[in-house]
Amino acid sequence: MGVLQTIRDLRRREPFIPFRVIMSSGEGYTIENSELLAIGNSQLVYCFPHSDRIAHLRMSQISAVEELDQNNREKRKQ
């Protein structure tokens, strides 16, 4: 499964469980609310909660997606 499909599946999961997008630069973005993430064909647009800040995340620069365990927030890499 590709990164794009993994992110789409995680965003649609019911109930929603937060996940983390790791960029090739090492930066990470924790997606805690599915409504703050827009998914395009070549990039994600992430709106930071309680802020006017946004991040444009190019799909080609995503190195990993980590699921956060609902119970104890442990990471499981995808």
N, C-alpha and C. Protein backbone atom coordinates (compact mmCIF):
# COMPACT_ATOMS: atom_id res chain seq x y z
N MET A 1 0.85 -1.17 0.00
CA MET A 1 0.00 0.00 0.00
C MET A 1 0.90 1.24 0.00
N GLY A 2 0.57 2.22 -0.80
CA GLY A 2 1.37 3.43 -0.88
C GLY A 2 1.08 4.37 0.28
N VAL A 3 1.96 5.35 0.43
CA VAL A 3 1.84 6.33 1.51
C VAL A 3 0.52 7.09 1.39
N LEU A 4 0.18 7.51 0.18
CA LEU A 4 -1.06 8.28 -0.02
C LEU A 4 -2.28 7.49 0.44
N GLN A 5 -2.37 6.23 0.05
CA GLN A 5 -3.51 5.41 0.45
C GLN A 5 -3.52 5.15 1.95
N THR A 6 -2.34 4.96 2.55
CA THR A 6 -2.24 4.77 4.00
C THR A 6 -2.79 5.99 4.73
N ILE A 7 -2.39 7.18 4.28
CA ILE A 7 -2.86 8.42 4.92
C ILE A 7 -4.37 8.56 4.74
N ARG A 8 -4.88 8.27 3.55
CA ARG A 8 -6.33 8.35 3.33
C ARG A 8 -7.08 7.39 4.27
N ASP A 9 -6.57 6.18 4.39
CA ASP A 9 -7.22 5.19 5.26
C ASP A 9 -7.19 5.64 6.72
N LEU A 10 -6.05 6.16 7.18
CA LEU A 10 -5.94 6.62 8.56
C LEU A 10 -6.86 7.81 8.82
N ARG A 11 -6.99 8.68 7.85
CA ARG A 11 -7.85 9.87 8.01
C ARG A 11 -9.32 9.48 8.12
N ARG A 12 -9.72 8.43 7.41
CA ARG A 12 -11.13 8.00 7.39
C ARG A 12 -11.50 7.05 8.53
N ARG A 13 -10.52 6.56 9.25
CA ARG A 13 -10.77 5.54 10.27
C ARG A 13 -11.80 6.03 11.30
N GLU A 14 -12.72 5.16 11.64
CA GLU A 14 -13.74 5.45 12.67
C GLU A 14 -13.60 4.43 13.78
N PRO A 15 -13.39 4.85 14.99
CA PRO A 15 -13.14 6.23 15.39
C PRO A 15 -11.74 6.64 14.94
N PHE A 16 -11.56 7.94 14.74
CA PHE A 16 -10.29 8.46 14.29
C PHE A 16 -9.24 8.27 15.38
N ILE A 17 -8.06 7.82 14.97
CA ILE A 17 -6.92 7.65 15.87
C ILE A 17 -5.78 8.51 15.33
N PRO A 18 -5.20 9.37 16.15
CA PRO A 18 -4.13 10.24 15.67
C PRO A 18 -2.98 9.46 15.05
N PHE A 19 -2.32 10.09 14.09
CA PHE A 19 -1.14 9.50 13.46
C PHE A 19 -0.13 10.61 13.18
N ARG A 20 1.07 10.19 12.83
CA ARG A 20 2.16 11.14 12.63
C ARG A 20 2.75 10.96 11.24
N VAL A 21 2.98 12.08 10.55
CA VAL A 21 3.62 12.08 9.24
C VAL A 21 5.05 12.56 9.44
N ILE A 22 6.03 11.76 8.99
CA ILE A 22 7.44 12.08 9.14
C ILE A 22 7.99 12.43 7.75
N MET A 23 8.62 13.59 7.68
CA MET A 23 9.19 14.06 6.43
C MET A 23 10.64 13.60 6.30
N SER A 24 11.17 13.62 5.07
CA SER A 24 12.56 13.22 4.86
C SER A 24 13.54 14.13 5.59
N SER A 25 13.12 15.35 5.91
CA SER A 25 13.96 16.29 6.67
C SER A 25 14.04 15.93 8.15
N GLY A 26 13.18 15.01 8.58
CA GLY A 26 13.12 14.63 9.98
C GLY A 26 11.99 15.31 10.73
N GLU A 27 11.39 16.33 10.13
CA GLU A 27 10.25 16.99 10.77
C GLU A 27 9.07 16.03 10.85
N GLY A 28 8.29 16.15 11.91
CA GLY A 28 7.12 15.31 12.07
C GLY A 28 5.89 16.16 12.37
N TYR A 29 4.76 15.70 11.88
CA TYR A 29 3.49 16.39 12.09
C TYR A 29 2.49 15.39 12.65
N THR A 30 2.01 15.64 13.87
CA THR A 30 1.03 14.77 14.48
C THR A 30 -0.35 15.25 14.08
N ILE A 31 -1.08 14.38 13.42
CA ILE A 31 -2.43 14.69 12.95
C ILE A 31 -3.39 14.19 14.03
N GLU A 32 -3.92 15.12 14.81
CA GLU A 32 -4.81 14.77 15.91
C GLU A 32 -6.28 14.97 15.59
N ASN A 33 -6.56 15.62 14.47
CA ASN A 33 -7.94 15.87 14.06
C ASN A 33 -7.98 15.73 12.55
N SER A 34 -8.77 14.79 12.05
CA SER A 34 -8.82 14.52 10.61
C SER A 34 -9.32 15.71 9.80
N GLU A 35 -10.07 16.59 10.42
CA GLU A 35 -10.60 17.74 9.71
C GLU A 35 -9.55 18.83 9.46
N LEU A 36 -8.39 18.70 10.06
CA LEU A 36 -7.32 19.68 9.86
C LEU A 36 -6.35 19.26 8.77
N LEU A 37 -6.68 18.19 8.03
CA LEU A 37 -5.80 17.67 6.99
C LEU A 37 -6.55 17.56 5.68
N ALA A 38 -6.02 18.22 4.65
CA ALA A 38 -6.57 18.09 3.30
C ALA A 38 -5.59 17.27 2.48
N ILE A 39 -6.11 16.35 1.67
CA ILE A 39 -5.27 15.44 0.91
C ILE A 39 -5.45 15.71 -0.58
N GLY A 40 -4.33 16.03 -1.23
CA GLY A 40 -4.32 16.21 -2.68
C GLY A 40 -3.56 15.06 -3.32
N ASN A 41 -3.35 15.13 -4.63
CA ASN A 41 -2.61 14.07 -5.31
C ASN A 41 -1.12 14.11 -5.04
N SER A 42 -0.57 15.32 -4.86
CA SER A 42 0.87 15.42 -4.69
C SER A 42 1.30 16.07 -3.37
N GLN A 43 0.33 16.51 -2.58
CA GLN A 43 0.68 17.11 -1.30
C GLN A 43 -0.46 17.03 -0.30
N LEU A 44 -0.09 17.18 0.97
CA LEU A 44 -1.05 17.32 2.05
C LEU A 44 -1.01 18.77 2.49
N VAL A 45 -2.13 19.29 2.94
CA VAL A 45 -2.16 20.60 3.56
C VAL A 45 -2.65 20.37 4.99
N TYR A 46 -1.78 20.71 5.94
CA TYR A 46 -2.08 20.49 7.35
C TYR A 46 -2.25 21.84 8.03
N CYS A 47 -3.37 22.03 8.71
CA CYS A 47 -3.64 23.25 9.47
C CYS A 47 -3.34 22.96 10.94
N PHE A 48 -2.44 23.72 11.51
CA PHE A 48 -2.09 23.53 12.92
C PHE A 48 -3.28 23.92 13.80
N PRO A 49 -3.61 23.12 14.80
CA PRO A 49 -4.74 23.45 15.67
C PRO A 49 -4.51 24.75 16.43
N HIS A 50 -5.59 25.50 16.61
CA HIS A 50 -5.57 26.74 17.39
C HIS A 50 -4.55 27.74 16.85
N SER A 51 -4.41 27.80 15.52
CA SER A 51 -3.40 28.65 14.91
C SER A 51 -3.83 29.01 13.49
N ASP A 52 -3.20 30.02 12.94
CA ASP A 52 -3.40 30.36 11.53
C ASP A 52 -2.32 29.74 10.66
N ARG A 53 -1.45 28.93 11.24
CA ARG A 53 -0.33 28.31 10.51
C ARG A 53 -0.80 27.10 9.72
N ILE A 54 -0.21 26.95 8.53
CA ILE A 54 -0.46 25.75 7.74
C ILE A 54 0.88 25.23 7.22
N ALA A 55 0.90 23.96 6.87
CA ALA A 55 2.09 23.34 6.29
C ALA A 55 1.67 22.60 5.02
N HIS A 56 2.45 22.80 3.98
CA HIS A 56 2.26 22.06 2.73
C HIS A 56 3.28 20.93 2.73
N LEU A 57 2.82 19.71 2.76
CA LEU A 57 3.68 18.53 2.86
C LEU A 57 3.66 17.79 1.54
N ARG A 58 4.75 17.83 0.80
CA ARG A 58 4.82 17.14 -0.49
C ARG A 58 4.91 15.63 -0.28
N MET A 59 4.10 14.90 -1.03
CA MET A 59 4.09 13.44 -0.91
C MET A 59 5.48 12.86 -1.16
N SER A 60 6.21 13.44 -2.10
CA SER A 60 7.54 12.92 -2.45
C SER A 60 8.55 13.09 -1.32
N GLN A 61 8.21 13.90 -0.31
CA GLN A 61 9.13 14.14 0.79
C GLN A 61 8.69 13.45 2.09
N ILE A 62 7.60 12.67 2.03
CA ILE A 62 7.16 11.92 3.21
C ILE A 62 7.96 10.63 3.28
N SER A 63 8.63 10.43 4.41
CA SER A 63 9.45 9.23 4.55
C SER A 63 8.76 8.13 5.36
N ALA A 64 7.80 8.51 6.22
CA ALA A 64 7.11 7.50 7.02
C ALA A 64 5.80 8.04 7.56
N VAL A 65 4.92 7.10 7.88
CA VAL A 65 3.67 7.42 8.57
C VAL A 65 3.63 6.51 9.79
N GLU A 66 3.44 7.09 10.95
CA GLU A 66 3.40 6.32 12.19
C GLU A 66 2.01 6.39 12.79
N GLU A 67 1.44 5.23 13.00
CA GLU A 67 0.16 5.17 13.71
C GLU A 67 0.44 5.35 15.19
N LEU A 68 -0.39 6.11 15.86
CA LEU A 68 -0.25 6.27 17.30
C LEU A 68 -1.29 5.39 17.97
N ASP A 69 -0.84 4.50 18.82
CA ASP A 69 -1.73 3.58 19.51
C ASP A 69 -2.72 4.37 20.35
N GLN A 70 -3.98 4.06 20.21
CA GLN A 70 -5.05 4.80 20.89
C GLN A 70 -4.92 4.75 22.41
N ASN A 71 -4.48 3.63 22.94
CA ASN A 71 -4.44 3.47 24.39
C ASN A 71 -3.25 4.15 25.05
N ASN A 72 -2.06 3.93 24.51
CA ASN A 72 -0.89 4.47 25.18
C ASN A 72 -0.02 5.33 24.28
N ARG A 73 -0.51 5.68 23.10
CA ARG A 73 0.16 6.57 22.16
C ARG A 73 1.53 6.06 21.71
N GLU A 74 1.76 4.74 21.81
CA GLU A 74 3.00 4.18 21.29
C GLU A 74 2.95 4.23 19.77
N LYS A 75 4.11 4.35 19.15
CA LYS A 75 4.16 4.48 17.70
C LYS A 75 4.28 3.10 17.06
N ARG A 76 3.56 2.94 15.96
CA ARG A 76 3.71 1.76 15.12
C ARG A 76 3.98 2.26 13.72
N LYS A 77 5.17 2.01 13.18
CA LYS A 77 5.57 2.55 11.88
C LYS A 77 4.89 1.81 10.75
N GLN A 78 4.58 2.59 9.70
CA GLN A 78 4.00 2.05 8.46
C GLN A 78 5.01 2.21 7.35
